């Protein structure tokens, strides 16, 4: 995974968590219970997806690049 893609996944995950938690705090009163149940489920699912995307991006940043692995194997062979 490229560092650019990993960074994008981290930013996307943070944005999703921020956006959906913010939506949860901004839900106005006066809606039927089903509205809150549906939006509660949406918030939980999207926060979990944001965490998963962030973790994938973090692992992508922490993993050695494929080019570095090939270069190090080439150095060992010579």
Foldseek 3Di string as FASTA:
>chain_A
DDLVQLVVLQVQLVVQLVVLVVVVVPDDPDDDPVVVVVSVVVSVVSNVVSVVSNVVSVVVNVDDDPVVVVVVVVVVVD
